[in-house]
Amino acid sequence: MTAYHYPTTLDETCALLDDGEDTMVYGGGTAVQILLKQGVLFATDLVDIGGVTGLDEISETSKGLRVGPLVTLRRMETSPIVRRVAPLAAEVYSRVANPRVRNTASVGGNIAHGDYRLDPPTALMVLDATVELTSRRGSRKVPAREFFVDFQQTALEHGELVSAIEIPTQPESAGAHFAKLSSLAANDWPAASAAALVVERSRGKRDVRLGLGALSHVPVFLQFEASADTSVDDVVGAAKEAATPLLDPIPDVRGSSDYKRRLGLVAVEEAIRNSWKEGNDDHRRVSIFGRRRR
């Protein structure tokens, strides 16, 4: 029999997590409930953090956004602050599953689940986001690029919970695009996904960042530099060359490894072509939501 706990403070939450041996945080519950019913997840205690004040807030900081772990994916999709400060994040969160799931699933629970097919990590990695982890021992920050350490394993240690995600302001000069390819249904897990961010640097140089989902046992990040006058075909070629050795997709009902590998390169090309084109626009850039950036 699983015991439920309802803390009202972060300190109380951390104490419960630290004291228990098989204790798990319960937030939105979309993944936890399914896995418990399937008998593939076991927990002696579930700590429901819904009553902890402040964990469902989105705030703008001097560096970008601070997002509480109980913020729903739907709020990330629709929040005017997120759309203005980090439009790529808003776009990627809007593509997760379906509205019913997005209205329930939480930002913290989503990444803590650690699935290699998740959409949000692709954007969090290219936006240089960090994940704040809190326990009785204090808080520490882990780059989103280092948070996923192995197949369905994250950097979370015993007694820790995701207490916030910090997302830097998306540079106005950046071109951005998210490509998601699903083989069974539009709302299904992706067979391949890619988020691209092209950031203007000094002396006519650009950083090209790519976050890849569903194409290895963990979300994958890669980055390379390109001159601003490089043709889009050459940038696509460089991106594919850099991505190819990192693609090691897991075969399942959505396709074989070879099929997903080929889809992955299609997603990379789509993301790069659109982000590079946006970055080359000499006029005031239009965001992925069709609203002009200021």
Protein backbone atom coordinates (compact mmCIF):
# COMPACT_ATOMS: atom_id res chain seq x y z
CA MET A 1 0.00 0.00 0.00
CA THR A 2 1.39 3.38 -1.04
CA ALA A 3 1.20 6.16 1.55
CA TYR A 4 0.43 9.74 0.47
CA HIS A 5 1.92 12.80 2.14
CA TYR A 6 0.77 16.40 1.74
CA PRO A 7 3.50 18.86 2.82
CA THR A 8 2.86 22.60 2.83
CA THR A 9 6.47 23.82 2.76
CA LEU A 10 9.56 23.01 0.73
CA ASP A 11 11.48 22.10 3.90
CA GLU A 12 8.81 19.59 4.88
CA THR A 13 8.88 18.15 1.37
CA CYS A 14 12.65 17.70 1.46
CA ALA A 15 12.47 16.02 4.87
CA LEU A 16 9.89 13.50 3.62
CA LEU A 17 11.95 12.73 0.52
CA ASP A 18 15.13 12.32 2.52
CA ASP A 19 13.62 10.09 5.20
CA GLY A 20 11.95 7.65 2.84
CA GLU A 21 13.67 4.87 0.91
CA ASP A 22 11.26 4.55 -2.03
CA THR A 23 9.64 7.98 -1.84
CA MET A 24 8.59 9.86 -4.95
CA VAL A 25 7.35 13.38 -5.69
CA TYR A 26 3.81 13.62 -7.01
CA GLY A 27 3.09 16.75 -9.07
CA GLY A 28 0.88 16.67 -12.14
CA GLY A 29 0.78 12.89 -11.90
CA THR A 30 0.28 12.14 -15.60
CA ALA A 31 3.28 9.82 -15.88
CA VAL A 32 3.33 8.54 -12.29
CA GLN A 33 -0.27 7.34 -12.34
CA ILE A 34 0.18 5.44 -15.60
CA LEU A 35 3.42 3.78 -14.51
CA LEU A 36 1.99 2.79 -11.13
CA LYS A 37 -1.03 1.19 -12.79
CA GLN A 38 1.21 -0.63 -15.26
CA GLY A 39 3.23 -2.05 -12.39
CA VAL A 40 6.54 -0.74 -13.69
CA LEU A 41 6.94 1.92 -11.00
CA PHE A 42 7.04 1.22 -7.29
CA ALA A 43 6.94 3.72 -4.44
CA THR A 44 6.20 3.21 -0.76
CA ASP A 45 5.39 6.90 -0.33
CA LEU A 46 4.15 9.61 -2.69
CA VAL A 47 4.78 13.22 -1.66
CA ASP A 48 2.10 15.45 -3.17
CA ILE A 49 3.62 18.93 -3.54
CA GLY A 50 0.41 20.59 -4.74
CA GLY A 51 0.03 22.42 -1.43
CA VAL A 52 3.53 23.91 -1.34
CA THR A 53 3.27 27.67 -1.88
CA GLY A 54 5.15 29.25 -4.79
CA LEU A 55 5.90 26.14 -6.84
CA ASP A 56 3.33 27.05 -9.51
CA GLU A 57 4.71 30.48 -10.37
CA ILE A 58 6.37 31.91 -13.49
CA SER A 59 8.48 34.99 -12.83
CA GLU A 60 10.63 37.19 -15.03
CA THR A 61 14.13 37.81 -13.73
CA SER A 62 16.99 40.01 -14.88
CA LYS A 63 18.35 37.02 -16.82
CA GLY A 64 15.15 35.47 -18.15
CA LEU A 65 12.53 33.22 -16.56
CA ARG A 66 12.20 31.27 -13.35
CA VAL A 67 9.58 28.55 -13.69
CA GLY A 68 8.21 26.59 -10.72
CA PRO A 69 7.94 22.81 -11.02
CA LEU A 70 4.14 22.81 -10.72
CA VAL A 71 3.60 25.17 -13.66
CA THR A 72 1.60 23.22 -16.22
CA LEU A 73 2.81 22.69 -19.77
CA ARG A 74 -0.28 24.55 -20.94
CA ARG A 75 0.74 27.65 -19.01
CA MET A 76 4.18 27.49 -20.61
CA GLU A 77 2.43 27.38 -23.96
CA THR A 78 0.05 30.29 -23.33
CA SER A 79 1.87 32.58 -20.88
CA PRO A 80 2.53 36.04 -22.40
CA ILE A 81 5.74 36.25 -20.37
CA VAL A 82 7.09 32.96 -21.75
CA ARG A 83 6.07 33.88 -25.30
CA ARG A 84 7.91 37.18 -25.02
CA VAL A 85 11.03 36.08 -23.16
CA ALA A 86 11.56 32.57 -24.56
CA PRO A 87 9.25 32.01 -27.55
CA LEU A 88 11.00 28.81 -28.58
CA ALA A 89 10.17 27.27 -25.20
CA ALA A 90 6.51 28.28 -25.55
CA GLU A 91 6.38 26.73 -29.01
CA VAL A 92 7.92 23.43 -27.93
CA TYR A 93 5.69 23.11 -24.85
CA SER A 94 2.68 23.70 -27.13
CA ARG A 95 3.60 20.59 -29.12
CA VAL A 96 3.59 18.12 -26.21
CA ALA A 97 0.89 15.43 -26.50
CA ASN A 98 -2.56 17.06 -26.43
CA PRO A 99 -4.35 19.86 -24.51
CA ARG A 100 -5.72 17.44 -21.90
CA VAL A 101 -2.20 16.28 -21.01
CA ARG A 102 -0.73 19.79 -21.17
CA ASN A 103 -3.39 21.08 -18.77
CA THR A 104 -2.37 18.48 -16.18
CA ALA A 105 1.33 17.66 -16.66
CA SER A 106 3.82 19.84 -14.79
CA VAL A 107 7.12 21.30 -15.95
CA GLY A 108 9.08 19.66 -13.12
CA GLY A 109 7.43 16.28 -13.46
CA ASN A 110 7.94 16.31 -17.20
CA ILE A 111 11.72 16.47 -17.04
CA ALA A 112 12.01 14.40 -13.85
CA HIS A 113 10.30 11.59 -15.76
CA GLY A 114 13.52 11.42 -17.78
CA ASP A 115 12.08 9.94 -20.96
CA TYR A 116 14.39 10.22 -23.97
CA ARG A 117 11.46 11.19 -26.22
CA LEU A 118 10.45 14.32 -24.30
CA ASP A 119 9.93 17.49 -26.36
CA PRO A 120 10.81 20.26 -23.82
CA PRO A 121 14.46 19.25 -23.25
CA THR A 122 15.26 20.01 -26.89
CA ALA A 123 14.38 23.68 -26.29
CA LEU A 124 15.76 23.84 -22.75
CA MET A 125 19.16 22.63 -23.96
CA VAL A 126 19.53 25.12 -26.81
CA LEU A 127 18.25 27.97 -24.63
CA ASP A 128 20.97 27.14 -22.07
CA ALA A 129 18.45 26.51 -19.29
CA THR A 130 19.38 25.19 -15.85
CA VAL A 131 17.46 22.90 -13.52
CA GLU A 132 17.42 23.78 -9.82
CA LEU A 133 17.43 20.76 -7.52
CA THR A 134 16.64 21.15 -3.82
CA SER A 135 17.06 18.82 -0.83
CA ARG A 136 17.83 19.00 2.88
CA ARG A 137 21.43 19.61 1.84
CA GLY A 138 20.50 22.81 0.01
CA SER A 139 20.07 23.70 -3.65
CA ARG A 140 22.24 23.10 -6.67
CA LYS A 141 21.88 23.96 -10.34
CA VAL A 142 22.43 21.52 -13.18
CA PRO A 143 22.57 22.61 -16.83
CA ALA A 144 19.69 21.11 -18.81
CA ARG A 145 22.35 19.67 -21.14
CA GLU A 146 23.68 17.58 -18.24
CA PHE A 147 20.42 16.72 -16.51
CA PHE A 148 19.69 13.53 -18.49
CA VAL A 149 22.47 11.12 -17.63
CA ASP A 150 21.32 7.73 -18.98
CA PHE A 151 18.27 5.84 -20.23
CA GLN A 152 15.37 7.22 -18.13
CA GLN A 153 17.87 8.44 -15.55
CA THR A 154 18.42 12.03 -14.51
CA ALA A 155 20.83 13.94 -12.27
CA LEU A 156 18.30 13.85 -9.42
CA GLU A 157 19.80 12.29 -6.29
CA HIS A 158 18.10 10.76 -3.27
CA GLY A 159 16.08 13.35 -1.37
CA GLU A 160 16.06 15.91 -4.19
CA LEU A 161 13.23 17.41 -6.20
CA VAL A 162 13.11 19.80 -9.13
CA SER A 163 12.40 23.15 -7.47
CA ALA A 164 12.67 25.40 -10.54
CA ILE A 165 13.80 25.68 -14.14
CA GLU A 166 15.65 28.84 -15.13
CA ILE A 167 15.53 29.83 -18.79
CA PRO A 168 17.71 32.70 -20.09
CA THR A 169 16.13 35.32 -22.31
CA GLN A 170 16.14 34.17 -25.93
CA PRO A 171 18.39 36.56 -27.92
CA GLU A 172 16.41 38.83 -30.24
CA SER A 173 18.89 38.18 -33.04
CA ALA A 174 18.34 34.42 -32.81
CA GLY A 175 16.56 32.35 -35.41
CA ALA A 176 14.63 29.45 -33.90
CA HIS A 177 12.57 26.49 -35.04
CA PHE A 178 11.20 23.22 -33.65
CA ALA A 179 10.60 20.21 -35.89
CA LYS A 180 8.66 17.21 -34.61
CA LEU A 181 7.99 14.10 -36.69
CA SER A 182 5.56 11.45 -35.46
CA SER A 183 4.88 8.18 -37.27
CA LEU A 184 1.66 6.96 -35.60
CA ALA A 185 -0.40 10.06 -34.75
CA ALA A 186 0.16 13.79 -34.48
CA ASN A 187 -0.21 13.74 -30.68
CA ASP A 188 1.95 10.66 -30.15
CA TRP A 189 5.53 10.53 -28.94
CA PRO A 190 7.87 11.79 -31.66
CA ALA A 191 9.87 9.39 -33.79
CA ALA A 192 12.34 12.28 -34.12
CA SER A 193 12.47 15.90 -33.03
CA ALA A 194 14.91 18.79 -33.30
CA ALA A 195 15.02 22.30 -31.82
CA ALA A 196 17.44 24.74 -33.44
CA LEU A 197 18.65 28.13 -32.23
CA VAL A 198 20.98 30.29 -34.31
CA VAL A 199 22.63 32.95 -32.15
CA GLU A 200 24.43 35.96 -33.61
CA ARG A 201 28.01 36.39 -32.42
CA SER A 202 30.65 39.05 -33.06
CA ARG A 203 32.70 39.33 -36.25
CA GLY A 204 30.06 37.79 -38.48
CA LYS A 205 29.96 34.47 -36.64
CA ARG A 206 26.94 32.51 -35.45
CA ASP A 207 26.51 29.71 -32.98
CA VAL A 208 24.23 26.98 -34.26
CA ARG A 209 22.66 24.98 -31.42
CA LEU A 210 20.68 21.79 -31.84
CA GLY A 211 18.66 19.81 -29.32
CA LEU A 212 17.54 16.36 -30.48
CA GLY A 213 14.79 14.20 -28.99
CA ALA A 214 13.86 10.52 -29.45
CA LEU A 215 17.10 9.90 -31.35
CA SER A 216 19.24 8.37 -28.60
CA HIS A 217 18.80 6.96 -25.09
CA VAL A 218 18.95 10.55 -23.78
CA PRO A 219 18.14 13.95 -25.32
CA VAL A 220 21.16 15.09 -27.34
CA PHE A 221 22.76 18.55 -27.59
CA LEU A 222 25.30 19.71 -30.15
CA GLN A 223 26.70 23.07 -31.21
CA PHE A 224 28.95 24.40 -33.95
CA GLU A 225 30.01 27.76 -35.36
CA ALA A 226 29.27 29.11 -38.84
CA SER A 227 29.97 32.36 -40.67
CA ALA A 228 26.94 34.57 -41.19
CA ASP A 229 27.46 34.49 -44.97
CA THR A 230 27.47 30.67 -45.15
CA SER A 231 24.77 29.31 -47.44
CA VAL A 232 21.88 27.52 -45.77
CA ASP A 233 22.72 24.34 -47.72
CA ASP A 234 26.22 24.33 -46.25
CA VAL A 235 24.89 24.92 -42.73
CA VAL A 236 22.41 22.06 -43.17
CA GLY A 237 25.25 19.85 -44.38
CA ALA A 238 27.41 20.76 -41.39
CA ALA A 239 24.51 20.10 -39.00
CA LYS A 240 23.81 16.68 -40.50
CA GLU A 241 27.49 15.77 -40.38
CA ALA A 242 27.70 16.77 -36.72
CA ALA A 243 24.46 15.01 -35.78
CA THR A 244 24.91 11.72 -37.63
CA PRO A 245 27.40 10.04 -35.24
CA LEU A 246 25.21 11.01 -32.27
CA LEU A 247 22.06 9.34 -33.61
CA ASP A 248 21.39 6.01 -31.91
CA PRO A 249 17.58 5.71 -31.82
CA ILE A 250 15.76 2.95 -29.97
CA PRO A 251 13.52 0.80 -32.20
CA ASP A 252 9.87 0.44 -31.17
CA VAL A 253 6.39 0.41 -32.70
CA ARG A 254 7.09 3.87 -34.16
CA GLY A 255 9.86 2.58 -36.38
CA SER A 256 13.19 0.86 -36.69
CA SER A 257 16.49 2.46 -35.72
CA ASP A 258 17.31 3.07 -39.39
CA TYR A 259 13.92 4.67 -40.04
CA LYS A 260 14.24 6.99 -37.03
CA ARG A 261 17.81 7.85 -37.97
CA ARG A 262 16.64 9.00 -41.40
CA LEU A 263 13.74 10.93 -39.84
CA GLY A 264 16.21 12.53 -37.45
CA LEU A 265 18.19 14.00 -40.32
CA VAL A 266 14.96 15.29 -41.87
CA ALA A 267 14.08 16.99 -38.57
CA VAL A 268 17.58 18.48 -38.35
CA GLU A 269 17.30 19.89 -41.87
CA GLU A 270 13.87 21.39 -41.24
CA ALA A 271 14.97 23.00 -37.98
CA ILE A 272 18.20 24.39 -39.44
CA ARG A 273 16.68 25.73 -42.67
CA ASN A 274 13.95 27.61 -40.85
CA SER A 275 16.14 28.97 -38.04
CA TRP A 276 18.94 30.04 -40.40
CA LYS A 277 16.43 31.77 -42.67
CA GLU A 278 14.96 33.65 -39.73
CA GLY A 279 18.42 34.62 -38.55
CA ASN A 280 19.25 36.00 -42.00
CA ASP A 281 16.18 38.24 -42.15
CA ASP A 282 17.43 41.82 -42.42
CA HIS A 283 14.11 43.24 -41.23
CA ARG A 284 12.76 43.14 -37.71
CA ARG A 285 12.36 39.46 -37.03
CA VAL A 286 8.98 37.86 -36.62
CA SER A 287 8.76 35.32 -33.85
CA ILE A 288 7.39 31.81 -34.26
CA PHE A 289 4.05 33.11 -32.99
CA GLY A 290 3.84 35.77 -35.70
CA ARG A 291 4.37 38.64 -33.24
CA ARG A 292 7.17 41.09 -33.81
CA ARG A 293 9.98 40.99 -31.29
CA ARG A 294 10.82 44.24 -29.60
